[in-house]
């Protein structure tokens, strides 16, 4: 993987259950797993009508160095956008890099 292409800084977050120390209630919060360099490629975008308003959705491919433990329940933050992970692939099978397909 050419490090020159890894020119975007992204944050990887995971939704975790956290117990409030005062009330004892359990709430869900996004917590930071890592900040890494990645290549971000916008693949497609579309607009559609939902609930009487125009919505937009973009599909983005992210390439980064291999990182174990990522799941489709995690999310990526890139330039203020929240990207939901749809698919994670190790294209070479050698744990060198990941290709992550996201929407958001």
Protein backbone atom coordinates (compact mmCIF):
# COMPACT_ATOMS: atom_id res chain seq x y z
CA UNK A 1 0.00 0.00 0.00
CA UNK A 2 1.42 3.36 -1.01
CA UNK A 3 1.50 5.66 2.00
CA UNK A 4 1.21 8.75 -0.23
CA UNK A 5 -2.40 7.86 -1.01
CA UNK A 6 -3.29 7.81 2.68
CA UNK A 7 -3.91 11.55 2.74
CA UNK A 8 -7.10 11.81 4.83
CA UNK A 9 -7.28 11.59 8.62
CA UNK A 10 -10.34 9.63 9.78
CA UNK A 11 -11.75 8.65 13.16
CA UNK A 12 -13.18 5.19 13.83
CA UNK A 13 -15.87 5.03 16.50
CA UNK A 14 -17.80 2.24 18.23
CA UNK A 15 -21.21 2.41 19.93
CA UNK A 16 -20.79 1.21 23.51
CA UNK A 17 -23.04 0.90 26.51
CA UNK A 18 -21.82 3.07 29.37
CA UNK A 19 -23.21 3.12 32.90
CA UNK A 20 -23.79 6.59 34.34
CA UNK A 21 -21.89 6.69 37.66
CA UNK A 22 -24.48 8.95 39.30
CA UNK A 23 -27.79 7.41 38.22
CA UNK A 24 -26.64 3.91 37.34
CA UNK A 25 -28.57 4.06 34.07
CA UNK A 26 -27.03 2.52 31.00
CA UNK A 27 -26.75 4.75 27.93
CA UNK A 28 -25.19 4.28 24.52
CA UNK A 29 -22.35 6.55 23.41
CA UNK A 30 -19.97 6.59 20.45
CA UNK A 31 -16.42 6.16 21.69
CA UNK A 32 -13.22 6.71 19.74
CA UNK A 33 -11.38 3.54 18.71
CA UNK A 34 -8.65 5.11 16.60
CA UNK A 35 -7.60 7.96 14.37
CA UNK A 36 -5.78 6.76 11.26
CA UNK A 37 -4.64 7.90 7.83
CA UNK A 38 -6.72 6.60 4.94
CA UNK A 39 -7.52 7.03 1.27
CA UNK A 40 -11.11 8.24 0.83
CA UNK A 41 -12.85 7.76 -2.53
CA UNK A 42 -16.39 9.04 -3.16
CA UNK A 43 -17.97 6.46 -5.45
CA UNK A 44 -21.60 7.45 -5.96
CA UNK A 45 -24.18 9.87 -4.68
CA UNK A 46 -27.93 10.06 -5.00
CA UNK A 47 -30.85 12.16 -3.90
CA UNK A 48 -34.28 10.86 -3.03
CA UNK A 49 -37.52 12.00 -1.41
CA UNK A 50 -38.32 10.66 2.05
CA UNK A 51 -40.96 12.00 4.41
CA UNK A 52 -41.57 14.99 2.15
CA UNK A 53 -37.96 16.17 2.19
CA UNK A 54 -35.03 15.73 -0.16
CA UNK A 55 -32.43 13.38 1.30
CA UNK A 56 -29.00 12.64 -0.07
CA UNK A 57 -26.79 9.61 0.34
CA UNK A 58 -23.25 9.01 -0.83
CA UNK A 59 -21.31 5.79 -1.11
CA UNK A 60 -17.67 6.11 -0.11
CA UNK A 61 -14.81 3.61 -0.29
CA UNK A 62 -12.09 3.92 2.32
CA UNK A 63 -8.72 2.20 2.05
CA UNK A 64 -6.52 1.98 5.13
CA UNK A 65 -3.83 -0.16 6.69
CA UNK A 66 -5.11 -3.42 8.18
CA UNK A 67 -6.73 -3.12 11.59
CA UNK A 68 -8.22 -6.12 13.36
CA UNK A 69 -11.57 -5.99 15.10
CA UNK A 70 -13.54 -3.56 12.90
CA UNK A 71 -17.19 -4.46 12.34
CA UNK A 72 -20.14 -3.09 10.41
CA UNK A 73 -21.52 -1.80 13.72
CA UNK A 74 -18.68 0.75 13.89
CA UNK A 75 -18.71 4.09 12.06
CA UNK A 76 -16.19 6.44 10.50
CA UNK A 77 -16.03 10.20 10.88
CA UNK A 78 -14.45 12.02 7.93
CA UNK A 79 -14.50 15.81 7.59
CA UNK A 80 -17.54 16.05 9.89
CA UNK A 81 -19.51 13.36 8.02
CA UNK A 82 -20.75 10.26 9.82
CA UNK A 83 -20.20 7.26 7.55
CA UNK A 84 -21.92 3.96 8.35
CA UNK A 85 -19.86 0.90 7.49
CA UNK A 86 -21.60 -1.45 5.04
CA UNK A 87 -18.79 -3.87 4.17
CA UNK A 88 -15.19 -4.55 5.26
CA UNK A 89 -12.82 -6.51 3.02
CA UNK A 90 -9.20 -7.65 3.18
CA UNK A 91 -8.61 -7.79 -0.61
CA UNK A 92 -5.22 -9.49 -0.51
CA UNK A 93 -5.91 -11.81 2.41
CA UNK A 94 -2.50 -10.91 3.85
CA UNK A 95 -3.66 -8.43 6.50
CA UNK A 96 -1.97 -5.54 4.72
CA UNK A 97 -4.94 -3.27 4.11
CA UNK A 98 -8.69 -2.97 4.43
CA UNK A 99 -11.22 -1.70 1.93
CA UNK A 100 -14.30 -0.37 3.68
CA UNK A 101 -17.53 0.51 1.89
CA UNK A 102 -19.62 3.16 3.67
CA UNK A 103 -22.81 5.16 3.21
CA UNK A 104 -23.79 8.44 4.72
